[in-house]
Amino acid sequence: MLNLKKIYSPFKEYKDTGFGASDRQQGTRFMDKNGRFKVIRSGLPWWDRWNVYAWMLELSWLKFYAVILSAFIAINLIFTGLYFIVGIDHLIGLMAEDNFERFFEVFFFSVQTFSTVGYGRVNPLNMPAGMLASTEVFIGLLTVAIATGLVFAKFSRPIANLLFSKNILLTTTKDGRKALLFRFVNKAENQITDVGVQVLVAMDLSENGESEWKFYNLPLERDKINFLALSWTVVHYIDENSPLFNLSEEDIKAAGTEILILITLFDDTFAQTVHVRHSYKYDEWKWNAVFRPMFKPSAKHKDFTELALDKINDIESLSEK
């Protein structure tokens, strides 16, 4: 923790973050690099806390389809077992001669019933098998409807594909001013407008022997732009109006400093406002460095600008310039 007296200016404390102040009651980081809050909920059964719908929407597409496929296989395995319990002699049209082949034949009959394909070779013979097959058809229809809704929700959900620089830089500008800066870019092809950014700094400070987290709003050179067509380097000047004024690298580390970023933007594709969060911890700071340019006139396409996304993290030391 850092002594509060190190903060040069009586900078107004920001108290609307929603995070607690006591450093003894929470962890050492508020958000991860993806903007997720570093909170683990406990005290209630998992089924009271788990929102399946939200969890499915948060999954990557690969994991999403893996879950859907796993559920599809699991349900059909359950019904395959139930058909064996009822008795596969109640299913007419089975041609397999041994149990191994019989198992897969019943499994594929279950798949056909679940999906309502029904090729027609294997059929339930009596009431128990017919009731079981009817139940599977009903569950299959509901499952397909739910899966279709989830796929549509994931496709239609507005997500800003912003790419942030790996590090936040503390540097000296050409006019001799100290500044803290990071940059981000839209890595997708959709059009983003009306971009606003708010940057907060969280520091573990001690006063009169007691320590607590304090939050300060960092004034920016520019906190809004009309179009995010290229990259945007967000700049906070470290002067007498900054809570970071006169703090050394050791002070930044001692305070467990974290930069919290909230970005609000309008996505033209979905015609919706989207919020994006990001965070930089003190060990992700780079001192006395600047970003290298990441866009230039295109050599292949006349009148176009080439934006090199792979150069978002390219920096150079001030001593190299």
C-alpha atoms as a PDB file:
ATOM      1  CA  MET A   1       0.000   0.000   0.000  1.00  0.00           C
ATOM      2  CA  LEU A   2       1.023   3.622  -0.499  1.00  0.00           C
ATOM      3  CA  ASN A   3       0.783   6.523   1.947  1.00  0.00           C
ATOM      4  CA  LEU A   4      -2.017   8.885   0.957  1.00  0.00           C
ATOM      5  CA  LYS A   5       0.318  11.846   1.462  1.00  0.00           C
ATOM      6  CA  LYS A   6       2.148  10.762  -1.679  1.00  0.00           C
ATOM      7  CA  ILE A   7      -0.896  11.894  -3.675  1.00  0.00           C
ATOM      8  CA  TYR A   8       0.159  15.453  -4.415  1.00  0.00           C
ATOM      9  CA  SER A   9      -3.166  17.017  -5.335  1.00  0.00           C
ATOM     10  CA  PRO A  10      -6.378  16.896  -3.264  1.00  0.00           C
ATOM     11  CA  PHE A  11      -7.903  15.122  -6.233  1.00  0.00           C
ATOM     12  CA  LYS A  12     -11.603  14.385  -5.831  1.00  0.00           C
ATOM     13  CA  GLU A  13     -12.173  10.744  -4.970  1.00  0.00           C
ATOM     14  CA  TYR A  14     -14.503   8.833  -7.296  1.00  0.00           C
ATOM     15  CA  LYS A  15     -17.014   6.755  -5.313  1.00  0.00           C
ATOM     16  CA  ASP A  16     -19.412   5.436  -7.955  1.00  0.00           C
ATOM     17  CA  THR A  17     -17.454   2.394  -9.142  1.00  0.00           C
ATOM     18  CA  GLY A  18     -19.473  -0.227  -7.290  1.00  0.00           C
ATOM     19  CA  PHE A  19     -16.293  -1.750  -5.862  1.00  0.00           C
ATOM     20  CA  GLY A  20     -15.592  -1.881  -2.142  1.00  0.00           C
ATOM     21  CA  ALA A  21     -12.932   0.226  -0.445  1.00  0.00           C
ATOM     22  CA  SER A  22     -11.410  -2.124   2.131  1.00  0.00           C
ATOM     23  CA  ASP A  23      -8.318  -3.930   0.862  1.00  0.00           C
ATOM     24  CA  ARG A  24      -8.871  -6.651   3.482  1.00  0.00           C
ATOM     25  CA  GLN A  25     -12.248  -7.644   2.069  1.00  0.00           C
ATOM     26  CA  GLN A  26     -11.364  -8.218  -1.578  1.00  0.00           C
ATOM     27  CA  GLY A  27      -8.662  -9.414  -3.937  1.00  0.00           C
ATOM     28  CA  THR A  28      -5.870  -7.482  -5.540  1.00  0.00           C
ATOM     29  CA  ARG A  29      -7.421  -6.996  -8.985  1.00  0.00           C
ATOM     30  CA  PHE A  30     -10.870  -5.707  -9.915  1.00  0.00           C
ATOM     31  CA  MET A  31     -11.104  -6.787 -13.565  1.00  0.00           C
ATOM     32  CA  ASP A  32      -9.209  -9.150 -15.817  1.00  0.00           C
ATOM     33  CA  LYS A  33      -7.893  -8.318 -19.280  1.00  0.00           C
ATOM     34  CA  ASN A  34     -11.240  -9.241 -20.840  1.00  0.00           C
ATOM     35  CA  GLY A  35     -13.193  -6.895 -18.598  1.00  0.00           C
ATOM     36  CA  ARG A  36     -14.674  -9.616 -16.403  1.00  0.00           C
ATOM     37  CA  PHE A  37     -14.974  -8.770 -12.735  1.00  0.00           C
ATOM     38  CA  LYS A  38     -12.614 -10.766 -10.537  1.00  0.00           C
ATOM     39  CA  VAL A  39     -15.378 -12.030  -8.263  1.00  0.00           C
ATOM     40  CA  ILE A  40     -16.165 -15.607  -7.245  1.00  0.00           C
ATOM     41  CA  ARG A  41     -19.648 -16.040  -5.827  1.00  0.00           C
ATOM     42  CA  SER A  42     -20.277 -18.518  -3.017  1.00  0.00           C
ATOM     43  CA  GLY A  43     -22.715 -19.201  -0.180  1.00  0.00           C
ATOM     44  CA  LEU A  44     -25.561 -20.565  -2.308  1.00  0.00           C
ATOM     45  CA  PRO A  45     -25.948 -23.828  -4.227  1.00  0.00           C
ATOM     46  CA  TRP A  46     -24.594 -23.584  -7.760  1.00  0.00           C
ATOM     47  CA  TRP A  47     -28.056 -24.184  -9.235  1.00  0.00           C
ATOM     48  CA  ASP A  48     -29.291 -20.990  -7.549  1.00  0.00           C
ATOM     49  CA  ARG A  49     -26.423 -18.962  -8.997  1.00  0.00           C
ATOM     50  CA  TRP A  50     -25.966 -20.507 -12.427  1.00  0.00           C
ATOM     51  CA  ASN A  51     -27.737 -18.802 -15.331  1.00  0.00           C
ATOM     52  CA  VAL A  52     -27.555 -21.352 -18.155  1.00  0.00           C
ATOM     53  CA  TYR A  53     -28.740 -18.889 -20.788  1.00  0.00           C
ATOM     54  CA  ALA A  54     -26.136 -16.247 -19.892  1.00  0.00           C
ATOM     55  CA  TRP A  55     -23.426 -18.915 -19.577  1.00  0.00           C
ATOM     56  CA  MET A  56     -24.172 -20.276 -23.055  1.00  0.00           C
ATOM     57  CA  LEU A  57     -24.103 -16.807 -24.595  1.00  0.00           C
ATOM     58  CA  GLU A  58     -20.738 -16.071 -22.986  1.00  0.00           C
ATOM     59  CA  LEU A  59     -19.118 -19.217 -24.423  1.00  0.00           C
ATOM     60  CA  SER A  60     -16.956 -19.046 -27.514  1.00  0.00           C
ATOM     61  CA  TRP A  61     -18.505 -20.538 -30.655  1.00  0.00           C
ATOM     62  CA  LEU A  62     -16.270 -23.607 -30.425  1.00  0.00           C
ATOM     63  CA  LYS A  63     -17.236 -24.306 -26.802  1.00  0.00           C
ATOM     64  CA  PHE A  64     -20.871 -23.491 -27.561  1.00  0.00           C
ATOM     65  CA  TYR A  65     -21.102 -26.147 -30.284  1.00  0.00           C
ATOM     66  CA  ALA A  66     -19.144 -28.582 -28.117  1.00  0.00           C
ATOM     67  CA  VAL A  67     -21.766 -28.182 -25.352  1.00  0.00           C
ATOM     68  CA  ILE A  68     -24.643 -28.602 -27.830  1.00  0.00           C
ATOM     69  CA  LEU A  69     -23.026 -31.722 -29.314  1.00  0.00           C
ATOM     70  CA  SER A  70     -22.304 -33.173 -25.869  1.00  0.00           C
ATOM     71  CA  ALA A  71     -25.905 -32.602 -24.773  1.00  0.00           C
ATOM     72  CA  PHE A  72     -27.176 -34.209 -27.993  1.00  0.00           C
ATOM     73  CA  ILE A  73     -25.052 -37.326 -27.462  1.00  0.00           C
ATOM     74  CA  ALA A  74     -25.856 -37.523 -23.747  1.00  0.00           C
ATOM     75  CA  ILE A  75     -29.625 -37.309 -24.267  1.00  0.00           C
ATOM     76  CA  ASN A  76     -29.547 -40.017 -26.924  1.00  0.00           C
ATOM     77  CA  LEU A  77     -27.371 -42.248 -24.741  1.00  0.00           C
ATOM     78  CA  ILE A  78     -29.924 -41.876 -21.932  1.00  0.00           C
ATOM     79  CA  PHE A  79     -32.799 -42.832 -24.218  1.00  0.00           C
ATOM     80  CA  THR A  80     -30.771 -45.720 -25.632  1.00  0.00           C
ATOM     81  CA  GLY A  81     -30.404 -47.036 -22.083  1.00  0.00           C
ATOM     82  CA  LEU A  82     -34.129 -46.567 -21.471  1.00  0.00           C
ATOM     83  CA  TYR A  83     -34.976 -48.551 -24.612  1.00  0.00           C
ATOM     84  CA  PHE A  84     -32.817 -51.402 -23.315  1.00  0.00           C
ATOM     85  CA  ILE A  85     -34.566 -51.192 -19.918  1.00  0.00           C
ATOM     86  CA  VAL A  86     -37.998 -51.312 -21.563  1.00  0.00           C
ATOM     87  CA  GLY A  87     -36.753 -54.144 -23.745  1.00  0.00           C
ATOM     88  CA  ILE A  88     -35.411 -53.906 -27.267  1.00  0.00           C
ATOM     89  CA  ASP A  89     -37.630 -56.805 -28.212  1.00  0.00           C
ATOM     90  CA  HIS A  90     -40.373 -54.155 -28.278  1.00  0.00           C
ATOM     91  CA  LEU A  91     -38.594 -52.507 -31.215  1.00  0.00           C
ATOM     92  CA  ILE A  92     -39.303 -54.236 -34.511  1.00  0.00           C
ATOM     93  CA  GLY A  93     -36.892 -54.024 -37.434  1.00  0.00           C
ATOM     94  CA  LEU A  94     -33.633 -54.506 -35.538  1.00  0.00           C
ATOM     95  CA  MET A  95     -31.168 -56.487 -37.664  1.00  0.00           C
ATOM     96  CA  ALA A  96     -28.026 -56.578 -35.498  1.00  0.00           C
ATOM     97  CA  GLU A  97     -26.904 -59.995 -34.282  1.00  0.00           C
ATOM     98  CA  ASP A  98     -24.708 -59.133 -31.290  1.00  0.00           C
ATOM     99  CA  ASN A  99     -25.165 -56.737 -28.374  1.00  0.00           C
ATOM    100  CA  PHE A 100     -22.458 -54.316 -29.520  1.00  0.00           C
ATOM    101  CA  GLU A 101     -24.083 -53.755 -32.908  1.00  0.00           C
ATOM    102  CA  ARG A 102     -27.526 -53.793 -31.283  1.00  0.00           C
ATOM    103  CA  PHE A 103     -26.483 -50.947 -28.984  1.00  0.00           C
ATOM    104  CA  PHE A 104     -25.500 -48.714 -31.908  1.00  0.00           C
ATOM    105  CA  GLU A 105     -28.608 -49.661 -33.861  1.00  0.00           C
ATOM    106  CA  VAL A 106     -30.803 -48.609 -30.939  1.00  0.00           C
ATOM    107  CA  PHE A 107     -28.686 -45.472 -30.430  1.00  0.00           C
ATOM    108  CA  PHE A 108     -29.194 -44.407 -34.055  1.00  0.00           C
ATOM    109  CA  PHE A 109     -32.914 -45.196 -33.746  1.00  0.00           C
ATOM    110  CA  SER A 110     -32.917 -42.810 -30.772  1.00  0.00           C
ATOM    111  CA  VAL A 111     -31.133 -40.133 -32.851  1.00  0.00           C
ATOM    112  CA  GLN A 112     -33.725 -40.524 -35.628  1.00  0.00           C
ATOM    113  CA  THR A 113     -36.585 -40.304 -33.118  1.00  0.00           C
ATOM    114  CA  PHE A 114     -35.050 -37.346 -31.256  1.00  0.00           C
ATOM    115  CA  SER A 115     -34.597 -35.395 -34.486  1.00  0.00           C
ATOM    116  CA  THR A 116     -37.995 -36.585 -35.869  1.00  0.00           C
ATOM    117  CA  VAL A 117     -36.239 -37.907 -38.999  1.00  0.00           C
ATOM    118  CA  GLY A 118     -37.642 -41.419 -38.600  1.00  0.00           C
ATOM    119  CA  TYR A 119     -36.335 -43.514 -41.503  1.00  0.00           C
ATOM    120  CA  GLY A 120     -38.972 -46.126 -40.741  1.00  0.00           C
ATOM    121  CA  ARG A 121     -37.064 -49.426 -40.524  1.00  0.00           C
ATOM    122  CA  VAL A 122     -37.167 -49.657 -36.729  1.00  0.00           C
ATOM    123  CA  ASN A 123     -40.491 -48.992 -34.992  1.00  0.00           C
ATOM    124  CA  PRO A 124     -41.849 -49.263 -31.431  1.00  0.00           C
ATOM    125  CA  LEU A 125     -44.096 -52.278 -31.144  1.00  0.00           C
ATOM    126  CA  ASN A 126     -46.215 -51.748 -28.015  1.00  0.00           C
ATOM    127  CA  MET A 127     -47.347 -49.153 -25.445  1.00  0.00           C
ATOM    128  CA  PRO A 128     -44.130 -48.877 -23.297  1.00  0.00           C
ATOM    129  CA  ALA A 129     -41.849 -48.461 -26.299  1.00  0.00           C
ATOM    130  CA  GLY A 130     -44.345 -46.145 -28.008  1.00  0.00           C
ATOM    131  CA  MET A 131     -44.682 -43.913 -24.941  1.00  0.00           C
ATOM    132  CA  LEU A 132     -40.897 -43.718 -24.592  1.00  0.00           C
ATOM    133  CA  ALA A 133     -40.482 -42.821 -28.275  1.00  0.00           C
ATOM    134  CA  SER A 134     -43.221 -40.172 -28.002  1.00  0.00           C
ATOM    135  CA  THR A 135     -41.513 -38.658 -24.961  1.00  0.00           C
ATOM    136  CA  GLU A 136     -38.235 -38.523 -26.862  1.00  0.00           C
ATOM    137  CA  VAL A 137     -39.904 -36.774 -29.819  1.00  0.00           C
ATOM    138  CA  PHE A 138     -41.377 -34.166 -27.465  1.00  0.00           C
ATOM    139  CA  ILE A 139     -38.026 -33.556 -25.723  1.00  0.00           C
ATOM    140  CA  GLY A 140     -36.299 -33.441 -29.116  1.00  0.00           C
ATOM    141  CA  LEU A 141     -38.656 -30.732 -30.391  1.00  0.00           C
ATOM    142  CA  LEU A 142     -38.101 -28.626 -27.261  1.00  0.00           C
ATOM    143  CA  THR A 143     -34.328 -29.118 -27.398  1.00  0.00           C
ATOM    144  CA  VAL A 144     -34.106 -28.104 -31.048  1.00  0.00           C
ATOM    145  CA  ALA A 145     -36.213 -25.011 -30.336  1.00  0.00           C
ATOM    146  CA  ILE A 146     -33.974 -24.033 -27.401  1.00  0.00           C
ATOM    147  CA  ALA A 147     -30.775 -24.648 -29.391  1.00  0.00           C
ATOM    148  CA  THR A 148     -32.130 -22.612 -32.319  1.00  0.00           C
ATOM    149  CA  GLY A 149     -32.981 -19.733 -29.983  1.00  0.00           C
ATOM    150  CA  LEU A 150     -29.506 -19.806 -28.438  1.00  0.00           C
ATOM    151  CA  VAL A 151     -27.807 -19.787 -31.846  1.00  0.00           C
ATOM    152  CA  PHE A 152     -29.932 -16.832 -32.958  1.00  0.00           C
ATOM    153  CA  ALA A 153     -29.240 -14.976 -29.694  1.00  0.00           C
ATOM    154  CA  LYS A 154     -25.484 -15.448 -30.119  1.00  0.00           C
ATOM    155  CA  PHE A 155     -25.602 -14.280 -33.740  1.00  0.00           C
ATOM    156  CA  SER A 156     -27.748 -11.256 -32.959  1.00  0.00           C
ATOM    157  CA  ARG A 157     -25.883 -10.214 -29.816  1.00  0.00           C
ATOM    158  CA  PRO A 158     -23.819  -7.049 -30.380  1.00  0.00           C
ATOM    159  CA  ILE A 159     -20.210  -7.606 -29.332  1.00  0.00           C
ATOM    160  CA  ALA A 160     -17.521  -5.002 -29.868  1.00  0.00           C
ATOM    161  CA  ASN A 161     -14.375  -6.703 -31.135  1.00  0.00           C
ATOM    162  CA  LEU A 162     -11.932  -4.213 -29.664  1.00  0.00           C
ATOM    163  CA  LEU A 163      -8.253  -5.062 -29.532  1.00  0.00           C
ATOM    164  CA  PHE A 164      -6.279  -3.355 -26.752  1.00  0.00           C
ATOM    165  CA  SER A 165      -2.563  -2.786 -26.501  1.00  0.00           C
ATOM    166  CA  LYS A 166      -0.873  -5.310 -24.238  1.00  0.00           C
ATOM    167  CA  ASN A 167       0.705  -2.582 -22.139  1.00  0.00           C
ATOM    168  CA  ILE A 168      -0.145   0.880 -20.932  1.00  0.00           C
ATOM    169  CA  LEU A 169       2.734   3.321 -21.371  1.00  0.00           C
ATOM    170  CA  LEU A 170       4.071   6.071 -19.154  1.00  0.00           C
ATOM    171  CA  THR A 171       6.041   8.374 -21.391  1.00  0.00           C
ATOM    172  CA  THR A 172       7.162  11.915 -22.106  1.00  0.00           C
ATOM    173  CA  THR A 173       5.513  13.648 -25.059  1.00  0.00           C
ATOM    174  CA  LYS A 174       7.290  15.809 -27.629  1.00  0.00           C
ATOM    175  CA  ASP A 175       6.362  18.971 -25.720  1.00  0.00           C
ATOM    176  CA  GLY A 176       7.945  17.590 -22.529  1.00  0.00           C
ATOM    177  CA  ARG A 177       4.754  16.586 -20.721  1.00  0.00           C
ATOM    178  CA  LYS A 178       4.464  13.290 -18.883  1.00  0.00           C
ATOM    179  CA  ALA A 179       1.571  11.160 -20.050  1.00  0.00           C
ATOM    180  CA  LEU A 180      -0.078   7.803 -19.515  1.00  0.00           C
ATOM    181  CA  LEU A 181      -1.400   6.238 -22.694  1.00  0.00           C
ATOM    182  CA  PHE A 182      -2.881   3.083 -24.171  1.00  0.00           C
ATOM    183  CA  ARG A 183      -4.513   2.373 -27.494  1.00  0.00           C
ATOM    184  CA  PHE A 184      -7.217   0.186 -28.927  1.00  0.00           C
ATOM    185  CA  VAL A 185      -8.670  -0.612 -32.321  1.00  0.00           C
ATOM    186  CA  ASN A 186     -11.720  -2.263 -33.837  1.00  0.00           C
ATOM    187  CA  LYS A 187     -10.470  -5.570 -35.250  1.00  0.00           C
ATOM    188  CA  ALA A 188     -13.719  -6.377 -37.079  1.00  0.00           C
ATOM    189  CA  GLU A 189     -15.120  -4.898 -40.310  1.00  0.00           C
ATOM    190  CA  ASN A 190     -18.224  -3.341 -38.737  1.00  0.00           C
ATOM    191  CA  GLN A 191     -18.558   0.428 -38.385  1.00  0.00           C
ATOM    192  CA  ILE A 192     -18.267   1.957 -34.902  1.00  0.00           C
ATOM    193  CA  THR A 193     -19.257   5.520 -34.057  1.00  0.00           C
ATOM    194  CA  ASP A 194     -19.780   7.790 -31.024  1.00  0.00           C
ATOM    195  CA  VAL A 195     -17.009   6.261 -28.936  1.00  0.00           C
ATOM    196  CA  GLY A 196     -16.585   7.504 -25.387  1.00  0.00           C
ATOM    197  CA  VAL A 197     -14.051   6.397 -22.797  1.00  0.00           C
ATOM    198  CA  GLN A 198     -13.770   6.810 -19.028  1.00  0.00           C
ATOM    199  CA  VAL A 199     -10.556   5.893 -17.222  1.00  0.00           C
ATOM    200  CA  LEU A 200     -10.260   5.344 -13.485  1.00  0.00           C
ATOM    201  CA  VAL A 201      -7.250   4.566 -11.339  1.00  0.00           C
ATOM    202  CA  ALA A 202      -7.544   2.334  -8.276  1.00  0.00           C
ATOM    203  CA  MET A 203      -4.849   2.581  -5.589  1.00  0.00           C
ATOM    204  CA  ASP A 204      -4.429   0.943  -2.207  1.00  0.00           C
ATOM    205  CA  LEU A 205      -3.627   3.929   0.026  1.00  0.00           C
ATOM    206  CA  SER A 206      -3.026   4.194   3.763  1.00  0.00           C
ATOM    207  CA  GLU A 207      -3.978   7.068   6.032  1.00  0.00           C
ATOM    208  CA  ASN A 208      -3.504   7.200   9.803  1.00  0.00           C
ATOM    209  CA  GLY A 209      -2.511   3.552   9.836  1.00  0.00           C
ATOM    210  CA  GLU A 210      -5.586   2.330   7.944  1.00  0.00           C
ATOM    211  CA  SER A 211      -5.553   1.337   4.299  1.00  0.00           C
ATOM    212  CA  GLU A 212      -8.307   1.293   1.737  1.00  0.00           C
ATOM    213  CA  TRP A 213      -8.822   1.332  -2.013  1.00  0.00           C
ATOM    214  CA  LYS A 214      -9.341   4.781  -3.447  1.00  0.00           C
ATOM    215  CA  PHE A 215     -10.554   5.517  -6.945  1.00  0.00           C
ATOM    216  CA  TYR A 216      -9.850   8.601  -9.023  1.00  0.00           C
ATOM    217  CA  ASN A 217     -11.191   9.668 -12.375  1.00  0.00           C
ATOM    218  CA  LEU A 218      -8.336  10.416 -14.782  1.00  0.00           C
ATOM    219  CA  PRO A 219      -8.993  13.440 -17.022  1.00  0.00           C
ATOM    220  CA  LEU A 220      -8.150  12.664 -20.638  1.00  0.00           C
ATOM    221  CA  GLU A 221      -6.785  14.668 -23.522  1.00  0.00           C
ATOM    222  CA  ARG A 222      -9.899  13.505 -25.392  1.00  0.00           C
ATOM    223  CA  ASP A 223     -12.668  11.350 -23.960  1.00  0.00           C
ATOM    224  CA  LYS A 224     -14.868  11.035 -27.062  1.00  0.00           C
ATOM    225  CA  ILE A 225     -14.439  10.591 -30.785  1.00  0.00           C
ATOM    226  CA  ASN A 226     -17.030  10.397 -33.549  1.00  0.00           C
ATOM    227  CA  PHE A 227     -15.570   7.499 -35.542  1.00  0.00           C
ATOM    228  CA  LEU A 228     -13.317   4.565 -34.629  1.00  0.00           C
ATOM    229  CA  ALA A 229     -11.993   4.078 -38.148  1.00  0.00           C
ATOM    230  CA  LEU A 230      -8.352   3.630 -37.132  1.00  0.00           C
ATOM    231  CA  SER A 231      -6.675   3.123 -33.761  1.00  0.00           C
ATOM    232  CA  TRP A 232      -7.285   5.492 -30.855  1.00  0.00           C
ATOM    233  CA  THR A 233      -4.497   6.328 -28.437  1.00  0.00           C
ATOM    234  CA  VAL A 234      -6.058   7.494 -25.169  1.00  0.00           C
ATOM    235  CA  VAL A 235      -3.873  10.015 -23.315  1.00  0.00           C
ATOM    236  CA  HIS A 236      -3.914  11.171 -19.700  1.00  0.00           C
ATOM    237  CA  TYR A 237      -1.445  13.948 -18.890  1.00  0.00           C
ATOM    238  CA  ILE A 238       0.307  13.540 -15.546  1.00  0.00           C
ATOM    239  CA  ASP A 239       0.458  17.042 -14.102  1.00  0.00           C
ATOM    240  CA  GLU A 240      -0.550  18.742 -10.846  1.00  0.00           C
ATOM    241  CA  ASN A 241      -4.180  17.835 -11.568  1.00  0.00           C
ATOM    242  CA  SER A 242      -3.411  14.106 -11.760  1.00  0.00           C
ATOM    243  CA  PRO A 243      -3.394  11.707  -8.782  1.00  0.00           C
ATOM    244  CA  LEU A 244      -0.355  10.064 -10.415  1.00  0.00           C
ATOM    245  CA  PHE A 245       1.685  13.271 -10.198  1.00  0.00           C
ATOM    246  CA  ASN A 246       5.190  12.725  -8.785  1.00  0.00           C
ATOM    247  CA  LEU A 247       4.624   9.007  -8.187  1.00  0.00           C
ATOM    248  CA  SER A 248       7.592   6.766  -8.949  1.00  0.00           C
ATOM    249  CA  GLU A 249       7.546   3.258 -10.380  1.00  0.00           C
ATOM    250  CA  GLU A 250       7.976   1.914  -6.836  1.00  0.00           C
ATOM    251  CA  ASP A 251       5.014   4.008  -5.651  1.00  0.00           C
ATOM    252  CA  ILE A 252       2.816   2.672  -8.456  1.00  0.00           C
ATOM    253  CA  LYS A 253       3.699  -0.886  -7.488  1.00  0.00           C
ATOM    254  CA  ALA A 254       3.315  -0.282  -3.732  1.00  0.00           C
ATOM    255  CA  ALA A 255      -0.219   1.039  -4.297  1.00  0.00           C
ATOM    256  CA  GLY A 256      -1.223  -2.046  -6.311  1.00  0.00           C
ATOM    257  CA  THR A 257      -2.321   0.401  -8.989  1.00  0.00           C
ATOM    258  CA  GLU A 258      -4.924  -0.725 -11.512  1.00  0.00           C
ATOM    259  CA  ILE A 259      -6.251   1.278 -14.450  1.00  0.00           C
ATOM    260  CA  LEU A 260      -9.957   0.586 -15.063  1.00  0.00           C
ATOM    261  CA  ILE A 261     -11.399   1.445 -18.471  1.00  0.00           C
ATOM    262  CA  LEU A 262     -15.029   1.718 -19.565  1.00  0.00           C
ATOM    263  CA  ILE A 263     -15.760   2.300 -23.243  1.00  0.00           C
ATOM    264  CA  THR A 264     -19.182   3.100 -24.653  1.00  0.00           C
ATOM    265  CA  LEU A 265     -19.765   2.937 -28.400  1.00  0.00           C
ATOM    266  CA  PHE A 266     -22.500   2.661 -31.021  1.00  0.00           C
ATOM    267  CA  ASP A 267     -22.378  -0.332 -33.360  1.00  0.00           C
ATOM    268  CA  ASP A 268     -23.924   0.533 -36.743  1.00  0.00           C
ATOM    269  CA  THR A 269     -24.384  -3.132 -37.664  1.00  0.00           C
ATOM    270  CA  PHE A 270     -26.716  -3.864 -34.750  1.00  0.00           C
ATOM    271  CA  ALA A 271     -27.842  -0.238 -34.226  1.00  0.00           C
ATOM    272  CA  GLN A 272     -27.153  -0.651 -30.510  1.00  0.00           C
ATOM    273  CA  THR A 273     -24.952   0.869 -27.839  1.00  0.00           C
ATOM    274  CA  VAL A 274     -22.259  -1.490 -26.554  1.00  0.00           C
ATOM    275  CA  HIS A 275     -20.115  -1.296 -23.413  1.00  0.00           C
ATOM    276  CA  VAL A 276     -16.560  -2.648 -23.261  1.00  0.00           C
ATOM    277  CA  ARG A 277     -14.350  -2.947 -20.167  1.00  0.00           C
ATOM    278  CA  HIS A 278     -10.617  -3.389 -19.843  1.00  0.00           C
ATOM    279  CA  SER A 279      -7.975  -3.242 -17.142  1.00  0.00           C
ATOM    280  CA  TYR A 280      -4.231  -2.703 -16.731  1.00  0.00           C
ATOM    281  CA  LYS A 281      -2.444  -3.748 -13.544  1.00  0.00           C
ATOM    282  CA  TYR A 282       0.789  -2.067 -12.420  1.00  0.00           C
ATOM    283  CA  ASP A 283       2.954  -4.893 -13.805  1.00  0.00           C
ATOM    284  CA  GLU A 284       1.534  -4.199 -17.287  1.00  0.00           C
ATOM    285  CA  TRP A 285       2.975  -0.674 -17.386  1.00  0.00           C
ATOM    286  CA  LYS A 286       5.896   0.184 -19.612  1.00  0.00           C
ATOM    287  CA  TRP A 287       8.012   3.194 -18.682  1.00  0.00           C
ATOM    288  CA  ASN A 288       9.645   5.662 -21.086  1.00  0.00           C
ATOM    289  CA  ALA A 289       8.243   4.062 -24.237  1.00  0.00           C
ATOM    290  CA  VAL A 290       5.971   5.134 -27.083  1.00  0.00           C
ATOM    291  CA  PHE A 291       3.770   3.332 -29.587  1.00  0.00           C
ATOM    292  CA  ARG A 292       4.928   2.834 -33.137  1.00  0.00           C
ATOM    293  CA  PRO A 293       2.498   3.809 -35.925  1.00  0.00           C
ATOM    294  CA  MET A 294       0.129   1.025 -36.986  1.00  0.00           C
ATOM    295  CA  PHE A 295      -1.456   2.515 -40.113  1.00  0.00           C
ATOM    296  CA  LYS A 296      -0.200   3.917 -43.395  1.00  0.00           C
ATOM    297  CA  PRO A 297      -1.435   4.540 -46.964  1.00  0.00           C
ATOM    298  CA  SER A 298      -2.212   1.247 -48.676  1.00  0.00           C
ATOM    299  CA  ALA A 299       0.262   0.195 -51.353  1.00  0.00           C
ATOM    300  CA  LYS A 300      -2.251  -2.128 -53.047  1.00  0.00           C
ATOM    301  CA  HIS A 301      -5.495  -0.192 -52.869  1.00  0.00           C
ATOM    302  CA  LYS A 302      -5.646   3.392 -54.053  1.00  0.00           C
ATOM    303  CA  ASP A 303      -7.180   5.910 -51.633  1.00  0.00           C
ATOM    304  CA  PHE A 304      -7.254   3.325 -48.809  1.00  0.00           C
ATOM    305  CA  THR A 305      -5.460   3.292 -45.450  1.00  0.00           C
ATOM    306  CA  GLU A 306      -3.839   0.054 -44.290  1.00  0.00           C
ATOM    307  CA  LEU A 307      -4.386  -0.647 -40.585  1.00  0.00           C
ATOM    308  CA  ALA A 308      -1.916  -3.281 -39.355  1.00  0.00           C
ATOM    309  CA  LEU A 309      -3.645  -4.941 -36.399  1.00  0.00           C
ATOM    310  CA  ASP A 310      -0.578  -7.033 -35.597  1.00  0.00           C
ATOM    311  CA  LYS A 311       1.295  -3.825 -34.725  1.00  0.00           C
ATOM    312  CA  ILE A 312      -1.012  -2.813 -31.866  1.00  0.00           C
ATOM    313  CA  ASN A 313       1.657  -3.818 -29.316  1.00  0.00           C
ATOM    314  CA  ASP A 314       4.660  -2.396 -31.178  1.00  0.00           C
ATOM    315  CA  ILE A 315       6.502   0.034 -28.898  1.00  0.00           C
ATOM    316  CA  GLU A 316       9.944   1.570 -28.751  1.00  0.00           C
ATOM    317  CA  SER A 317      11.975   3.041 -25.927  1.00  0.00           C
ATOM    318  CA  LEU A 318      12.448   6.798 -25.849  1.00  0.00           C
ATOM    319  CA  SER A 319      16.199   6.171 -25.719  1.00  0.00           C
ATOM    320  CA  GLU A 320      15.945   4.428 -29.125  1.00  0.00           C
ATOM    321  CA  LYS A 321      14.320   7.390 -30.841  1.00  0.00           C
END
